[in-house]
Protein backbone atom coordinates (compact mmCIF):
# COMPACT_ATOMS: atom_id res chain seq x y z
CA TRP A 1 30.31 149.45 91.22
CA THR A 2 28.46 151.85 91.98
CA SER A 3 29.11 155.12 93.03
CA ASP A 4 27.19 157.34 96.40
CA GLY A 5 24.46 154.18 95.16
CA GLN A 6 23.86 155.37 91.88
CA LYS A 7 25.12 153.64 88.48
CA ILE A 8 28.23 154.70 87.21
CA SER A 9 28.24 156.58 83.63
CA LYS A 10 29.16 159.71 81.85
CA SER A 11 25.56 160.76 81.36
CA LEU A 12 25.52 161.31 85.02
CA GLY A 13 28.48 162.65 85.55
CA ASN A 14 30.04 160.26 88.64
CA THR A 15 33.12 158.78 86.61
CA ILE A 16 35.77 157.53 89.26
CA ASP A 17 39.49 158.46 88.39
CA PRO A 18 41.28 155.32 89.35
CA PHE A 19 44.77 157.24 89.61
CA GLU A 20 42.96 160.61 90.93
CA ILE A 21 41.73 158.21 94.32
CA VAL A 22 44.73 156.65 94.78
CA GLU A 23 46.97 159.98 94.74
CA GLU A 24 44.39 161.26 97.41
CA PHE A 25 44.46 158.47 99.78
CA GLY A 26 47.20 155.99 98.87
CA SER A 27 47.59 152.58 97.06
CA ASP A 28 47.77 150.51 99.84
CA GLN A 29 44.25 152.35 101.34
CA VAL A 30 42.45 152.17 98.49
CA ARG A 31 43.56 148.35 97.23
CA TYR A 32 42.38 147.45 100.97
CA PHE A 33 39.22 148.66 100.42
CA LEU A 34 38.26 147.57 97.42
CA LEU A 35 39.42 144.15 98.73
CA SER A 36 37.75 143.50 102.06
CA SER A 37 34.50 145.59 101.15
CA VAL A 38 32.87 142.91 99.14
CA PRO A 39 32.92 139.44 98.15
CA PHE A 40 34.74 138.75 95.09
CA GLY A 41 32.57 139.28 91.87
CA ARG A 42 29.46 140.78 93.75
CA ASP A 43 28.55 144.40 93.50
CA ALA A 44 29.70 147.21 95.52
CA ASP A 45 29.20 151.11 96.33
CA PHE A 46 32.34 153.40 96.61
CA SER A 47 32.36 156.67 97.77
CA LYS A 48 35.09 158.87 99.65
CA ASP A 49 33.04 158.53 102.43
CA LEU A 50 33.07 154.66 102.67
CA LEU A 51 37.02 155.03 101.97
CA THR A 52 37.71 156.96 104.48
CA THR A 53 35.96 155.30 107.34
CA LYS A 54 37.48 151.78 106.67
CA VAL A 55 40.76 153.24 106.46
CA ASN A 56 40.46 154.63 109.90
CA SER A 57 39.27 152.27 111.39
CA ASP A 58 40.66 149.10 109.99
CA LEU A 59 44.22 150.70 108.77
CA ALA A 60 45.20 153.93 110.94
CA ASN A 61 43.32 152.71 114.12
CA ASP A 62 43.78 149.21 114.22
CA LEU A 63 47.17 148.08 112.34
CA GLY A 64 48.68 151.36 112.34
CA ASN A 65 47.97 152.13 115.85
CA LEU A 66 48.79 148.51 116.95
CA VAL A 67 52.80 148.72 115.11
CA GLN A 68 53.14 152.05 116.53
CA ARG A 69 52.27 152.03 120.25
CA VAL A 70 53.96 148.36 120.60
CA LEU A 71 56.97 149.33 118.66
CA SER A 72 57.52 152.82 120.35
CA PHE A 73 56.98 151.29 123.49
CA ALA A 74 59.87 149.06 122.85
CA HIS A 75 62.15 151.62 121.18
CA LYS A 76 61.85 153.46 124.47
CA ASN A 77 61.45 151.02 127.19
CA ALA A 78 63.23 147.85 125.90
CA GLU A 79 67.14 149.54 125.07
CA GLU A 80 65.86 149.95 121.38
CA GLN A 81 65.46 146.55 120.71
CA ILE A 82 63.12 143.21 120.08
CA PRO A 83 63.54 142.29 123.82
CA ALA A 84 63.96 138.55 124.81
CA PRO A 85 61.02 136.40 126.14
CA GLY A 86 60.50 134.83 129.30
CA GLN A 87 58.35 132.02 129.91
CA PHE A 88 55.08 132.29 127.81
CA THR A 89 51.34 132.32 130.01
CA ASP A 90 48.08 130.90 128.60
CA ASN A 91 47.58 134.27 126.99
CA ASP A 92 50.71 134.77 125.10
CA LYS A 93 50.49 131.12 123.85
CA ALA A 94 46.57 131.86 122.69
CA LEU A 95 47.74 134.95 120.62
CA LEU A 96 50.74 133.82 119.29
CA LYS A 97 48.83 130.44 117.72
CA LEU A 98 45.91 132.50 116.51
CA ALA A 99 48.91 134.44 114.42
CA SER A 100 50.60 131.35 113.60
CA ASP A 101 47.29 129.64 112.48
CA MET A 102 46.69 132.69 110.30
CA PRO A 103 48.64 131.93 107.03
CA ALA A 104 46.86 128.72 106.50
CA LEU A 105 43.60 130.47 106.62
CA VAL A 106 44.54 133.42 104.63
CA ARG A 107 45.63 130.77 101.80
CA GLU A 108 42.21 128.89 102.49
CA HIS A 109 40.55 131.80 101.22
CA ALA A 110 42.94 133.13 98.85
CA GLU A 111 42.23 129.29 97.22
CA ALA A 112 38.59 130.19 97.07
CA GLN A 113 38.88 134.05 95.95
CA ALA A 114 37.29 134.89 99.07
CA ILE A 115 39.79 138.02 99.29
CA HIS A 116 37.55 140.18 101.43
CA LYS A 117 37.81 136.68 104.20
CA MET A 118 41.36 137.10 103.69
CA CYS A 119 41.06 140.44 105.43
CA GLU A 120 39.14 139.77 108.28
CA ALA A 121 41.70 136.41 109.18
CA ILE A 122 44.10 139.27 109.01
CA TRP A 123 42.38 141.60 110.82
CA ALA A 124 40.94 139.20 113.14
CA VAL A 125 44.35 138.89 114.85
CA VAL A 126 45.19 142.39 114.31
CA GLY A 127 42.09 142.96 116.99
CA GLU A 128 43.02 140.13 119.48
CA ALA A 129 46.68 141.98 119.39
CA ASN A 130 44.91 144.95 120.47
CA ARG A 131 42.83 143.41 122.96
CA TYR A 132 46.22 141.85 124.12
CA VAL A 133 47.90 145.18 124.87
CA ASP A 134 44.73 146.28 126.65
CA LYS A 135 44.83 143.77 129.25
CA GLU A 136 48.47 143.03 129.73
CA GLU A 137 49.57 146.81 129.91
CA PRO A 138 52.97 147.03 129.41
CA TRP A 139 52.96 150.45 130.61
CA ALA A 140 51.95 149.16 134.35
CA LEU A 141 54.70 146.24 133.42
CA ARG A 142 57.37 148.60 132.99
CA LYS A 143 56.52 149.85 136.78
CA THR A 144 56.55 146.27 138.37
CA ASP A 145 57.75 143.33 136.55
CA THR A 146 59.88 144.42 133.78
CA ASP A 147 61.01 140.98 132.70
CA ARG A 148 57.03 140.62 132.38
CA MET A 149 56.76 143.46 130.10
CA LYS A 150 59.66 142.75 127.40
CA THR A 151 57.65 138.99 127.33
CA VAL A 152 54.96 141.25 126.08
CA LEU A 153 56.40 143.23 123.81
CA TYR A 154 57.97 140.20 122.20
CA VAL A 155 54.40 138.25 121.41
CA LEU A 156 53.10 141.54 119.97
CA ALA A 157 56.11 142.07 117.81
CA ASP A 158 56.18 138.28 116.63
CA VAL A 159 52.57 138.83 116.15
CA ILE A 160 53.28 141.76 114.02
CA ARG A 161 55.35 140.12 112.04
CA HIS A 162 52.87 137.34 111.07
CA VAL A 163 50.17 140.05 110.14
CA ALA A 164 52.65 142.20 108.18
CA ILE A 165 54.23 139.56 105.81
CA VAL A 166 51.03 138.07 104.87
CA ALA A 167 49.81 141.49 104.53
CA GLN A 168 52.34 141.97 101.88
CA ALA A 169 49.50 140.52 99.69
CA ILE A 170 46.80 143.37 100.33
CA THR A 171 49.17 146.43 101.74
CA PRO A 172 52.28 145.65 100.14
CA LYS A 173 54.13 149.17 100.75
CA ALA A 174 52.85 149.50 104.17
CA ALA A 175 54.06 145.87 105.27
CA ILE A 176 57.13 146.62 103.85
CA LYS A 177 57.45 149.42 106.25
CA ILE A 178 56.41 147.26 108.97
CA LEU A 179 58.86 144.48 108.22
CA ASP A 180 61.53 147.06 107.92
CA GLN A 181 60.82 148.72 111.09
CA LEU A 182 61.08 145.05 112.82
CA VAL A 183 64.27 144.82 111.14
CA ILE A 184 63.35 141.30 109.36
CA PRO A 185 65.91 140.33 106.83
CA GLU A 186 64.38 140.42 103.08
CA ASP A 187 65.24 136.78 102.73
CA GLN A 188 62.92 136.02 105.91
CA ARG A 189 59.91 137.92 104.43
CA THR A 190 57.73 135.12 103.01
CA ILE A 191 55.14 132.50 105.02
CA GLU A 192 57.53 129.88 104.85
CA SER A 193 59.76 131.63 107.23
CA LEU A 194 57.25 132.56 109.53
CA GLU A 195 58.58 128.93 111.17
CA ILE A 196 61.65 130.71 112.31
CA PRO A 197 61.57 132.34 115.81
CA LEU A 198 61.76 136.35 115.95
CA HIS A 199 64.96 137.00 116.76
CA SER A 200 65.17 139.14 119.92
CA GLY A 201 68.07 141.67 120.90
CA VAL A 202 67.72 143.39 117.79
CA THR A 203 67.95 147.20 117.41
CA ILE A 204 65.15 148.37 115.51
CA PRO A 205 64.78 152.04 114.31
CA LYS A 206 62.14 154.90 116.16
CA PRO A 207 59.22 153.75 114.29
CA GLU A 208 57.40 155.87 111.82
CA GLY A 209 53.65 155.98 111.80
CA VAL A 210 52.77 153.59 108.63
CA PHE A 211 48.80 154.68 107.82
CA PRO A 212 48.16 158.22 108.70
CA ARG A 213 44.64 159.12 108.98
CA ILE A 214 42.53 160.63 106.56
CA THR A 215 40.70 163.64 107.85
CA ALA A 216 38.13 164.51 105.41
CA PRO A 217 37.35 163.64 101.55
CA LYS A 218 37.94 166.48 99.36
């Protein structure tokens, strides 16, 4: 690792204390940055600005915002529950398939020690889920078709479950918080347990933010 483009050395005075970085940014945030930013075994550059940008973009804006807006909406508009779905549309099936195919792809990348590609595979699902939210507009369905709204929320909750279970290898603390908010039993947080359908009718707590945005590096 280099620091702001320079080789790290005591003579340059640009050494980095990992404990201080974790204290400032959070262990999950640092793990994600280090694992996702560079192919395993290659050289890479570290700076607080790069870490801040990466964390705010991928963790706060993409995954954190997805979890917060979906679970907050379900808590407020679906009787504080994971709603029961109706018939799935082609869009629903496509997103669910993308999520269900993701663990095998992640395993393939892990076996090849391509950890950055593991992250890419997980966040590809996150990105597609965010686009699905914007396309399906559950806030509009709340006024026009509540049954369809419930199906959309169920699909999103199941996709978030898939993401959180697989992301335990990358951001373990946050993944546990997400699974807790989905009320997933601890014995159903393995890759194998994804074969069990997500239970509907489960009461969920009022969600709390998982990845706060980082304002500016100190």
